[in-house]
N, C-alpha and C. Protein backbone atom coordinates (compact mmCIF):
# COMPACT_ATOMS: atom_id res chain seq x y z
N MET A 1 100.71 62.72 25.85
CA MET A 1 100.78 62.64 27.26
C MET A 1 99.34 62.43 27.73
N LEU A 2 98.93 61.90 29.09
CA LEU A 2 97.95 61.84 29.62
C LEU A 2 97.22 63.14 30.00
N THR A 3 96.18 63.41 29.61
CA THR A 3 95.12 64.41 29.98
C THR A 3 93.87 64.10 30.33
N SER A 4 93.11 64.86 31.22
CA SER A 4 92.03 64.39 31.64
C SER A 4 90.96 65.12 31.04
N SER A 5 91.11 66.23 30.13
CA SER A 5 90.03 66.86 29.36
C SER A 5 90.30 66.84 27.95
N ASP A 6 90.77 66.18 27.69
CA ASP A 6 90.83 66.14 25.90
C ASP A 6 89.79 64.58 25.63
N PHE A 7 88.72 64.77 25.37
CA PHE A 7 88.05 63.50 24.75
C PHE A 7 88.05 63.34 23.30
N SER A 8 88.79 64.12 22.72
CA SER A 8 88.68 63.95 21.31
C SER A 8 88.97 62.38 20.77
N GLY A 9 88.51 61.83 19.92
CA GLY A 9 88.67 60.51 19.35
C GLY A 9 87.69 59.47 20.36
N LEU A 10 87.44 59.82 21.17
CA LEU A 10 86.58 58.72 22.26
C LEU A 10 85.49 58.14 21.62
N LEU A 11 84.45 59.01 20.97
CA LEU A 11 83.38 58.44 20.53
C LEU A 11 83.65 58.00 19.12
N ASN A 12 84.05 56.81 18.84
CA ASN A 12 84.41 56.04 17.47
C ASN A 12 83.64 54.97 17.35
N GLU A 13 83.77 54.06 16.50
CA GLU A 13 82.89 52.68 16.28
C GLU A 13 83.25 51.94 17.23
N ARG A 14 84.49 51.59 17.71
CA ARG A 14 84.80 50.78 18.88
C ARG A 14 83.92 51.01 20.31
N PHE A 15 84.02 52.46 20.21
CA PHE A 15 83.17 52.92 21.77
C PHE A 15 81.64 52.62 21.47
N PHE A 16 81.02 52.44 20.31
CA PHE A 16 79.56 52.15 20.50
C PHE A 16 79.49 50.83 20.25
N ARG A 17 80.31 50.09 19.57
CA ARG A 17 80.45 48.54 19.59
C ARG A 17 80.31 48.24 20.99
N ASN A 18 81.11 48.69 21.97
CA ASN A 18 81.33 48.26 23.14
C ASN A 18 80.56 48.99 24.33
N PHE A 19 79.73 49.60 24.27
CA PHE A 19 79.22 50.62 24.75
C PHE A 19 78.35 49.62 25.84
N PHE A 20 77.60 48.86 25.70
CA PHE A 20 76.60 48.33 26.49
C PHE A 20 77.28 47.19 27.51
N PRO A 21 77.07 47.03 28.65
CA PRO A 21 78.03 46.12 29.38
C PRO A 21 77.85 44.84 29.22
N ILE A 22 78.80 44.05 29.19
CA ILE A 22 78.83 42.66 29.03
C ILE A 22 79.69 42.16 30.04
N PRO A 23 79.25 41.18 31.14
CA PRO A 23 80.10 41.07 32.04
C PRO A 23 81.08 39.99 31.47
N ALA A 24 82.47 39.88 32.10
CA ALA A 24 83.34 38.63 31.66
C ALA A 24 82.54 37.53 32.28
N THR A 25 82.32 36.79 31.03
CA THR A 25 81.64 35.19 31.32
C THR A 25 82.67 34.08 30.85
N ASN A 26 83.90 34.55 30.71
CA ASN A 26 84.89 33.82 30.54
C ASN A 26 84.49 32.38 30.82
N THR A 27 84.58 31.23 29.88
CA THR A 27 84.42 29.87 30.05
C THR A 27 85.67 28.97 29.85
N LEU A 28 86.88 29.82 29.37
CA LEU A 28 87.94 28.92 29.40
C LEU A 28 88.29 28.33 30.52
N ASN A 29 88.65 27.13 30.67
CA ASN A 29 88.99 26.14 31.81
C ASN A 29 90.87 26.23 31.67
N LEU A 30 91.12 26.28 33.46
CA LEU A 30 92.51 26.03 33.45
C LEU A 30 92.85 24.75 32.78
N GLY A 31 93.95 24.68 32.36
CA GLY A 31 94.48 23.19 31.79
C GLY A 31 93.83 22.92 30.38
N THR A 32 93.29 23.96 29.52
CA THR A 32 92.87 23.97 28.34
C THR A 32 93.88 25.05 27.30
N THR A 33 93.79 24.78 26.22
CA THR A 33 94.34 25.69 25.18
C THR A 33 93.55 26.78 24.74
N THR A 34 94.05 27.98 24.72
CA THR A 34 93.23 29.02 24.63
C THR A 34 93.25 29.61 23.26
N PRO A 35 92.27 30.43 22.83
CA PRO A 35 92.13 30.74 21.36
C PRO A 35 93.78 31.43 20.74
N ASP A 36 93.98 31.17 19.50
CA ASP A 36 95.13 31.59 18.85
C ASP A 36 94.54 33.04 18.42
N PHE A 37 95.27 33.73 18.10
CA PHE A 37 95.28 35.33 17.52
C PHE A 37 96.48 35.76 16.79
N ASP A 38 96.35 36.86 15.79
CA ASP A 38 97.37 36.95 15.11
C ASP A 38 97.49 38.72 14.80
N LEU A 39 98.11 39.43 15.65
CA LEU A 39 98.04 41.09 15.94
C LEU A 39 99.29 41.75 15.67
N PRO A 40 99.14 43.10 15.13
CA PRO A 40 100.30 43.66 15.09
C PRO A 40 101.03 44.03 16.41
N ASP A 41 102.01 43.86 16.58
CA ASP A 41 102.93 44.53 17.68
C ASP A 41 103.48 45.93 17.59
N ILE A 42 102.93 46.85 18.07
CA ILE A 42 103.29 48.26 17.93
C ILE A 42 104.37 48.66 18.46
N THR A 43 105.05 48.13 19.50
CA THR A 43 106.26 48.45 20.34
C THR A 43 107.54 48.28 19.47
N ASN A 44 107.45 46.80 18.57
CA ASN A 44 108.47 46.42 17.97
C ASN A 44 108.10 46.44 16.33
N ASN A 45 106.78 46.83 16.06
CA ASN A 45 106.77 46.89 14.56
C ASN A 45 106.89 45.38 14.08
N LEU A 46 106.20 44.45 14.47
CA LEU A 46 106.24 43.06 14.20
C LEU A 46 104.67 42.49 14.05
N GLN A 47 104.32 41.48 13.51
CA GLN A 47 103.18 40.76 13.59
C GLN A 47 103.38 39.43 14.61
N VAL A 48 102.23 39.47 15.67
CA VAL A 48 102.65 38.47 16.50
C VAL A 48 101.46 37.44 16.45
N ARG A 49 101.97 36.17 16.41
CA ARG A 49 100.80 35.08 16.44
C ARG A 49 100.93 34.20 17.62
N LEU A 50 100.08 34.30 18.64
CA LEU A 50 100.17 33.73 19.58
C LEU A 50 100.62 32.21 19.46
N SER A 51 100.23 31.46 18.75
CA SER A 51 100.69 30.13 18.66
C SER A 51 102.21 29.84 18.33
N ASP A 52 102.81 30.96 17.84
CA ASP A 52 104.58 31.08 17.64
C ASP A 52 104.83 30.76 18.77
N TYR A 53 104.36 30.98 20.05
CA TYR A 53 105.33 30.83 21.09
C TYR A 53 105.13 29.27 21.69
N ARG A 54 103.95 28.63 21.32
CA ARG A 54 103.84 27.28 21.99
C ARG A 54 105.00 26.47 21.65
N ASN A 55 105.42 25.57 22.63
CA ASN A 55 106.75 24.79 22.62
C ASN A 55 107.69 25.56 22.94
N LYS A 56 107.62 27.16 22.91
CA LYS A 56 109.01 27.75 23.07
C LYS A 56 109.01 28.50 24.82
N GLN A 57 107.75 29.13 24.99
CA GLN A 57 108.06 29.73 26.21
C GLN A 57 106.52 30.06 26.75
N PRO A 58 106.57 30.35 28.03
CA PRO A 58 105.20 31.00 28.75
C PRO A 58 104.94 32.40 28.26
N VAL A 59 103.35 32.78 28.17
CA VAL A 59 103.17 33.89 27.91
C VAL A 59 102.28 34.53 28.69
N LEU A 60 102.52 35.73 29.24
CA LEU A 60 101.22 36.51 30.00
C LEU A 60 100.35 37.30 28.86
N LEU A 61 99.03 37.16 28.82
CA LEU A 61 98.12 37.95 27.97
C LEU A 61 97.78 38.88 29.11
N ALA A 62 97.83 40.16 28.69
CA ALA A 62 97.57 41.27 29.79
C ALA A 62 96.26 42.09 28.85
N PHE A 63 95.29 41.87 28.82
CA PHE A 63 94.37 43.01 27.91
C PHE A 63 94.15 43.94 29.10
N THR A 64 94.08 45.11 28.41
CA THR A 64 93.87 46.39 28.89
C THR A 64 93.01 47.10 28.37
N ARG A 65 92.65 48.13 29.15
CA ARG A 65 91.80 49.35 28.51
C ARG A 65 92.23 50.53 28.19
N ILE A 66 92.30 51.01 27.14
CA ILE A 66 92.95 52.47 26.72
C ILE A 66 91.93 53.11 26.12
N PHE A 67 91.28 54.05 26.38
CA PHE A 67 90.14 54.67 25.25
C PHE A 67 90.43 55.33 24.13
N THR A 68 91.37 56.22 24.29
CA THR A 68 92.36 56.82 23.17
C THR A 68 93.84 56.92 23.54
N GLU A 69 94.47 57.44 22.64
CA GLU A 69 96.07 58.00 23.19
C GLU A 69 95.90 58.94 24.12
N LYS A 70 94.96 59.67 24.47
CA LYS A 70 94.87 60.85 25.55
C LYS A 70 94.15 60.16 26.92
N GLN A 71 93.20 59.35 26.69
CA GLN A 71 92.19 58.73 27.59
C GLN A 71 92.51 57.53 28.32
N TYR A 72 93.09 57.09 29.26
CA TYR A 72 93.14 55.79 29.83
C TYR A 72 92.11 55.38 30.60
N CYS A 73 92.01 54.05 30.90
CA CYS A 73 91.09 53.91 32.00
C CYS A 73 91.98 54.15 33.29
N PRO A 74 91.17 54.57 34.22
CA PRO A 74 91.71 55.04 35.34
C PRO A 74 92.19 53.97 36.38
N LEU A 75 91.39 52.59 36.01
CA LEU A 75 91.87 51.27 36.80
C LEU A 75 92.92 50.72 36.06
N CYS A 76 93.16 50.86 34.75
CA CYS A 76 94.16 50.08 33.96
C CYS A 76 95.40 51.00 33.83
N PHE A 77 95.53 52.20 34.04
CA PHE A 77 96.64 53.17 33.77
C PHE A 77 97.62 52.69 34.63
N PRO A 78 97.45 52.56 36.09
CA PRO A 78 98.62 52.24 36.91
C PRO A 78 99.02 50.75 36.80
N HIS A 79 98.04 49.85 36.41
CA HIS A 79 98.44 48.70 35.92
C HIS A 79 99.32 48.34 34.77
N ILE A 80 99.03 49.28 33.56
CA ILE A 80 99.95 49.39 32.45
C ILE A 80 101.45 49.86 32.83
N LYS A 81 101.29 50.87 33.77
CA LYS A 81 102.74 51.36 34.10
C LYS A 81 103.43 50.26 34.98
N ALA A 82 102.88 49.63 35.89
CA ALA A 82 103.64 48.73 36.62
C ALA A 82 104.33 47.56 35.92
N MET A 83 103.22 46.83 35.03
CA MET A 83 103.66 46.02 33.98
C MET A 83 104.90 46.63 33.31
N ASN A 84 104.97 47.60 32.80
CA ASN A 84 105.93 48.07 32.25
C ASN A 84 107.44 47.86 32.87
N GLU A 85 106.96 48.72 34.12
CA GLU A 85 108.30 48.64 34.95
C GLU A 85 108.47 47.55 35.41
N ASN A 86 107.89 46.42 35.64
CA ASN A 86 108.42 45.30 35.83
C ASN A 86 108.56 44.29 34.80
N TYR A 87 108.75 44.75 33.38
CA TYR A 87 108.87 43.89 32.36
C TYR A 87 109.74 42.83 32.48
N GLU A 88 111.02 43.52 32.92
CA GLU A 88 112.18 42.68 32.97
C GLU A 88 111.97 41.43 34.19
N ARG A 89 111.40 41.57 35.11
CA ARG A 89 111.13 40.86 36.02
C ARG A 89 110.50 39.44 35.20
N PHE A 90 109.55 39.75 34.70
CA PHE A 90 108.75 38.82 33.86
C PHE A 90 109.81 37.75 32.76
N LEU A 91 110.70 38.59 32.04
CA LEU A 91 111.65 38.38 31.12
C LEU A 91 112.38 37.10 31.77
N GLU A 92 113.02 37.70 33.07
CA GLU A 92 113.87 36.72 33.82
C GLU A 92 113.45 35.54 34.24
N LYS A 93 112.24 35.28 34.24
CA LYS A 93 111.41 34.29 34.61
C LYS A 93 111.22 33.49 33.24
N GLY A 94 111.29 34.04 32.01
CA GLY A 94 111.15 33.19 30.97
C GLY A 94 110.02 33.29 30.30
N VAL A 95 109.05 34.42 30.66
CA VAL A 95 107.76 34.72 30.28
C VAL A 95 107.54 36.02 29.57
N GLU A 96 106.89 36.06 28.37
CA GLU A 96 106.98 36.98 27.45
C GLU A 96 105.48 37.46 27.84
N VAL A 97 105.42 38.86 28.12
CA VAL A 97 104.02 39.82 28.47
C VAL A 97 103.88 40.20 27.06
N LEU A 98 102.57 40.20 26.72
CA LEU A 98 101.75 40.25 25.60
C LEU A 98 100.65 41.35 26.13
N MET A 99 100.75 42.70 25.88
CA MET A 99 99.67 43.81 26.41
C MET A 99 98.93 43.83 25.18
N ILE A 100 97.41 43.64 25.06
CA ILE A 100 96.63 43.83 24.19
C ILE A 100 95.47 45.03 24.56
N THR A 101 95.58 45.94 23.52
CA THR A 101 94.43 46.91 23.69
C THR A 101 93.75 46.91 22.48
N SER A 102 92.37 47.83 22.73
CA SER A 102 91.69 47.88 21.37
C SER A 102 91.84 48.97 20.65
N THR A 103 92.63 49.90 21.04
CA THR A 103 93.09 51.19 20.41
C THR A 103 93.70 50.78 18.94
N ASP A 104 93.28 51.83 18.24
CA ASP A 104 93.95 51.40 16.74
C ASP A 104 95.50 51.53 16.76
N SER A 105 96.26 51.23 15.66
CA SER A 105 97.53 51.37 15.32
C SER A 105 97.91 52.64 15.79
N GLN A 106 97.48 53.86 15.21
CA GLN A 106 97.89 54.97 15.46
C GLN A 106 97.95 55.44 16.71
N ALA A 107 96.51 55.26 17.36
CA ALA A 107 96.73 55.51 18.85
C ALA A 107 97.65 54.68 19.52
N SER A 108 97.81 53.65 19.30
CA SER A 108 98.64 52.48 20.08
C SER A 108 100.13 53.20 19.82
N GLN A 109 100.48 53.50 18.81
CA GLN A 109 101.85 54.14 18.74
C GLN A 109 101.99 55.27 19.73
N HIS A 110 101.01 56.29 19.92
CA HIS A 110 101.03 57.22 20.88
C HIS A 110 101.44 56.73 22.20
N VAL A 111 100.68 55.89 22.69
CA VAL A 111 100.79 54.98 23.82
C VAL A 111 102.29 54.61 24.11
N VAL A 112 102.74 53.88 23.26
CA VAL A 112 104.12 53.21 23.24
C VAL A 112 104.94 54.41 23.59
N LYS A 113 104.74 55.51 22.73
CA LYS A 113 105.77 56.52 22.89
C LYS A 113 105.60 57.18 24.44
N ASP A 114 104.21 57.60 24.49
CA ASP A 114 104.07 58.47 25.70
C ASP A 114 104.37 57.71 27.10
N LEU A 115 104.16 56.66 27.16
CA LEU A 115 104.62 55.60 28.48
C LEU A 115 105.97 55.24 28.10
N GLY A 116 106.93 55.09 27.07
CA GLY A 116 108.09 54.49 26.92
C GLY A 116 107.95 52.88 27.13
N LEU A 117 106.74 52.24 26.46
CA LEU A 117 106.69 50.75 26.81
C LEU A 117 107.69 49.98 26.33
N LYS A 118 108.10 49.02 27.14
CA LYS A 118 109.12 48.09 26.88
C LYS A 118 108.50 46.92 26.17
N MET A 119 107.52 46.54 26.85
CA MET A 119 106.64 45.37 26.51
C MET A 119 106.07 45.47 25.18
N PRO A 120 105.75 44.29 24.52
CA PRO A 120 104.97 44.11 23.34
C PRO A 120 103.38 45.06 23.48
N LEU A 121 102.94 45.92 22.75
CA LEU A 121 101.61 46.19 23.01
C LEU A 121 101.00 45.93 21.62
N LEU A 122 100.08 44.96 21.42
CA LEU A 122 99.25 44.48 20.47
C LEU A 122 97.94 45.09 20.30
N SER A 123 97.61 45.39 19.13
CA SER A 123 96.69 46.61 18.64
C SER A 123 95.50 45.51 18.11
N ASP A 124 94.30 45.59 18.49
CA ASP A 124 93.15 45.06 18.22
C ASP A 124 91.92 45.83 18.03
N PRO A 125 91.78 46.77 17.27
CA PRO A 125 90.59 47.43 17.52
C PRO A 125 89.40 46.88 17.06
N SER A 126 89.52 45.77 16.31
CA SER A 126 88.31 44.94 16.13
C SER A 126 87.54 44.33 17.53
N CYS A 127 88.62 44.10 18.31
CA CYS A 127 88.32 43.38 19.62
C CYS A 127 87.99 41.96 19.62
N ARG A 128 88.31 41.29 18.41
CA ARG A 128 88.10 40.01 18.35
C ARG A 128 88.94 39.04 19.46
N SER A 129 90.11 39.31 19.49
CA SER A 129 90.96 38.60 20.71
C SER A 129 89.84 39.02 22.14
N PHE A 130 89.77 40.10 22.37
CA PHE A 130 88.89 40.35 23.51
C PHE A 130 87.71 39.46 23.81
N GLN A 131 86.87 39.29 22.50
CA GLN A 131 85.60 38.54 22.80
C GLN A 131 85.91 37.02 22.80
N SER A 132 86.99 36.58 21.98
CA SER A 132 87.50 35.16 22.04
C SER A 132 87.74 34.78 23.35
N TYR A 133 88.52 35.68 24.32
CA TYR A 133 88.94 35.45 25.68
C TYR A 133 87.59 35.76 26.77
N GLU A 134 86.66 36.58 26.22
CA GLU A 134 85.52 36.40 26.74
C GLU A 134 85.32 37.47 28.08
N VAL A 135 86.23 38.42 27.67
CA VAL A 135 86.85 39.42 28.90
C VAL A 135 85.58 40.42 29.53
N GLY A 136 84.38 40.53 28.42
CA GLY A 136 83.65 41.40 28.79
C GLY A 136 83.83 42.77 28.25
N GLN A 137 82.73 43.71 28.35
CA GLN A 137 82.98 45.00 27.89
C GLN A 137 81.91 46.13 28.73
N ALA A 138 82.59 47.25 28.56
CA ALA A 138 81.77 48.21 29.44
C ALA A 138 82.13 49.73 28.84
N ILE A 139 81.03 50.62 28.59
CA ILE A 139 81.38 51.91 28.63
C ILE A 139 82.57 52.39 27.48
N GLY A 140 82.28 51.52 26.04
CA GLY A 140 83.34 51.82 25.11
C GLY A 140 84.39 51.20 25.14
N ALA A 141 84.62 50.31 25.63
CA ALA A 141 85.77 49.36 25.63
C ALA A 141 85.91 48.09 26.32
N PRO A 142 86.37 46.78 25.98
CA PRO A 142 86.67 45.73 26.35
C PRO A 142 86.93 45.90 28.18
N LEU A 143 86.80 45.02 28.62
CA LEU A 143 87.13 45.03 30.20
C LEU A 143 88.84 44.37 30.27
N PRO A 144 89.40 44.77 31.15
CA PRO A 144 90.71 44.11 31.38
C PRO A 144 90.75 42.76 31.92
N ALA A 145 91.63 41.80 31.71
CA ALA A 145 91.83 40.56 31.96
C ALA A 145 93.49 39.88 31.90
N GLN A 146 94.02 39.04 32.68
CA GLN A 146 95.10 38.47 32.25
C GLN A 146 95.08 36.79 32.45
N PHE A 147 95.71 36.27 31.62
CA PHE A 147 95.60 34.96 31.12
C PHE A 147 97.21 34.62 31.09
N LEU A 148 97.62 33.49 31.90
CA LEU A 148 98.94 32.89 31.97
C LEU A 148 99.04 31.70 31.22
N LEU A 149 99.77 31.49 30.07
CA LEU A 149 99.71 30.49 29.53
C LEU A 149 101.02 29.61 29.65
N ASP A 150 101.38 28.37 29.79
CA ASP A 150 102.58 27.60 30.20
C ASP A 150 103.05 27.63 28.63
N SER A 151 104.15 26.89 28.61
CA SER A 151 105.20 26.89 27.21
C SER A 151 104.23 26.11 26.32
N SER A 152 103.44 24.99 26.38
CA SER A 152 102.67 24.19 25.67
C SER A 152 101.08 25.21 25.18
N GLY A 153 100.90 26.49 25.78
CA GLY A 153 99.83 27.41 25.38
C GLY A 153 98.66 26.77 26.23
N THR A 154 98.86 25.97 27.32
CA THR A 154 98.11 25.62 28.33
C THR A 154 97.46 26.60 29.25
N LEU A 155 96.20 27.19 29.54
CA LEU A 155 95.82 28.06 30.65
C LEU A 155 96.24 27.78 31.67
N ARG A 156 96.90 28.28 32.64
CA ARG A 156 97.49 28.13 34.08
C ARG A 156 96.88 29.02 35.19
N PHE A 157 96.87 30.40 34.45
CA PHE A 157 96.19 31.28 35.51
C PHE A 157 95.10 32.16 34.88
N LYS A 158 94.07 32.91 35.33
CA LYS A 158 93.37 33.79 34.78
C LYS A 158 92.70 34.80 35.81
N HIS A 159 92.67 36.06 35.65
CA HIS A 159 92.19 36.86 36.63
C HIS A 159 91.07 37.84 35.46
N LEU A 160 89.88 37.65 35.69
CA LEU A 160 89.04 38.53 34.92
C LEU A 160 88.81 39.91 35.74
N PHE A 161 88.25 41.00 35.26
CA PHE A 161 87.66 42.09 35.84
C PHE A 161 86.69 42.23 37.07
N SER A 162 86.83 42.88 38.09
CA SER A 162 85.80 43.15 38.94
C SER A 162 86.33 44.32 39.62
N PHE A 163 85.34 45.03 40.25
CA PHE A 163 85.31 46.39 41.05
C PHE A 163 86.24 46.06 42.04
N LEU A 164 86.54 44.93 42.81
CA LEU A 164 87.05 44.89 43.99
C LEU A 164 88.85 44.45 43.35
N ALA A 165 89.06 43.86 42.35
CA ALA A 165 90.21 43.78 41.76
C ALA A 165 90.29 43.73 40.26
N SER A 166 90.54 45.08 39.67
CA SER A 166 90.24 45.33 38.24
C SER A 166 91.27 44.35 37.42
N ASN A 167 92.42 44.36 37.96
CA ASN A 167 93.88 43.82 37.20
C ASN A 167 94.37 43.16 38.39
N ALA A 168 95.09 41.85 38.14
CA ALA A 168 95.77 41.24 38.85
C ALA A 168 97.23 42.02 38.89
N THR A 169 97.76 42.01 40.38
CA THR A 169 99.04 42.88 40.33
C THR A 169 100.09 42.35 39.74
N VAL A 170 101.11 42.82 39.65
CA VAL A 170 102.62 42.31 39.17
C VAL A 170 102.69 40.95 40.16
N GLU A 171 102.76 41.14 41.60
CA GLU A 171 103.17 40.21 42.44
C GLU A 171 102.34 38.89 42.50
N THR A 172 100.94 39.20 42.38
CA THR A 172 99.97 37.86 41.85
C THR A 172 100.36 37.29 40.62
N LEU A 173 100.84 37.89 39.64
CA LEU A 173 101.23 37.29 38.34
C LEU A 173 102.46 36.68 38.51
N LEU A 174 103.68 37.35 39.00
CA LEU A 174 104.76 36.48 39.52
C LEU A 174 104.58 35.39 40.27
N ASN A 175 103.82 35.49 41.30
CA ASN A 175 103.50 34.09 41.84
C ASN A 175 103.01 33.05 41.09
N ALA A 176 101.77 33.55 40.29
CA ALA A 176 101.34 32.32 39.50
C ALA A 176 102.38 31.76 38.36
N ILE A 177 103.35 32.64 38.02
CA ILE A 177 104.08 32.25 37.14
C ILE A 177 105.32 30.76 37.95
N GLU A 178 105.51 31.15 39.12
CA GLU A 178 106.28 30.38 39.93
C GLU A 178 105.90 29.08 40.16
N LYS A 179 104.38 28.75 39.91
CA LYS A 179 103.69 27.72 39.97
C LYS A 179 103.72 26.81 38.60
N LEU A 180 104.21 27.60 37.45
CA LEU A 180 104.34 26.93 36.33
C LEU A 180 105.16 25.36 36.59
């Protein structure tokens, strides 16, 4: 369960590797194919390769910040909950949502259980997918970002972290889907 005073597990290798701020310098252009990745889906106990969705269905990549199973980014926690509560709306539009976290598998299992996640939560403690999508980092974790790929794997929408808009809203993402 979410607590504000339990910081155990926060100071780990990932924290120190992602401590110094690097702004989101994403050079992925709309209309291009994005990097592939292969990550474990903690929600469904599967292995997910992004390229397996190509020529099948659009995908929304939602990179998020979770520090530990007990410490969520205060800007990302409401976004995670909103995405989970609206997961069916994305599925109704034929879009799979892949939420990606830098927490390890064990911490991610707690997150899935505590939040009752329905959408796939992919675990990437190496942060390679975050780096390949150039989302930036600060204070111990990669920054959040959202990328909408059409069914051919082409980038059609991207939202990078800023203090004015840390995450794209559910409605913004659904509107971007309407334009596919």
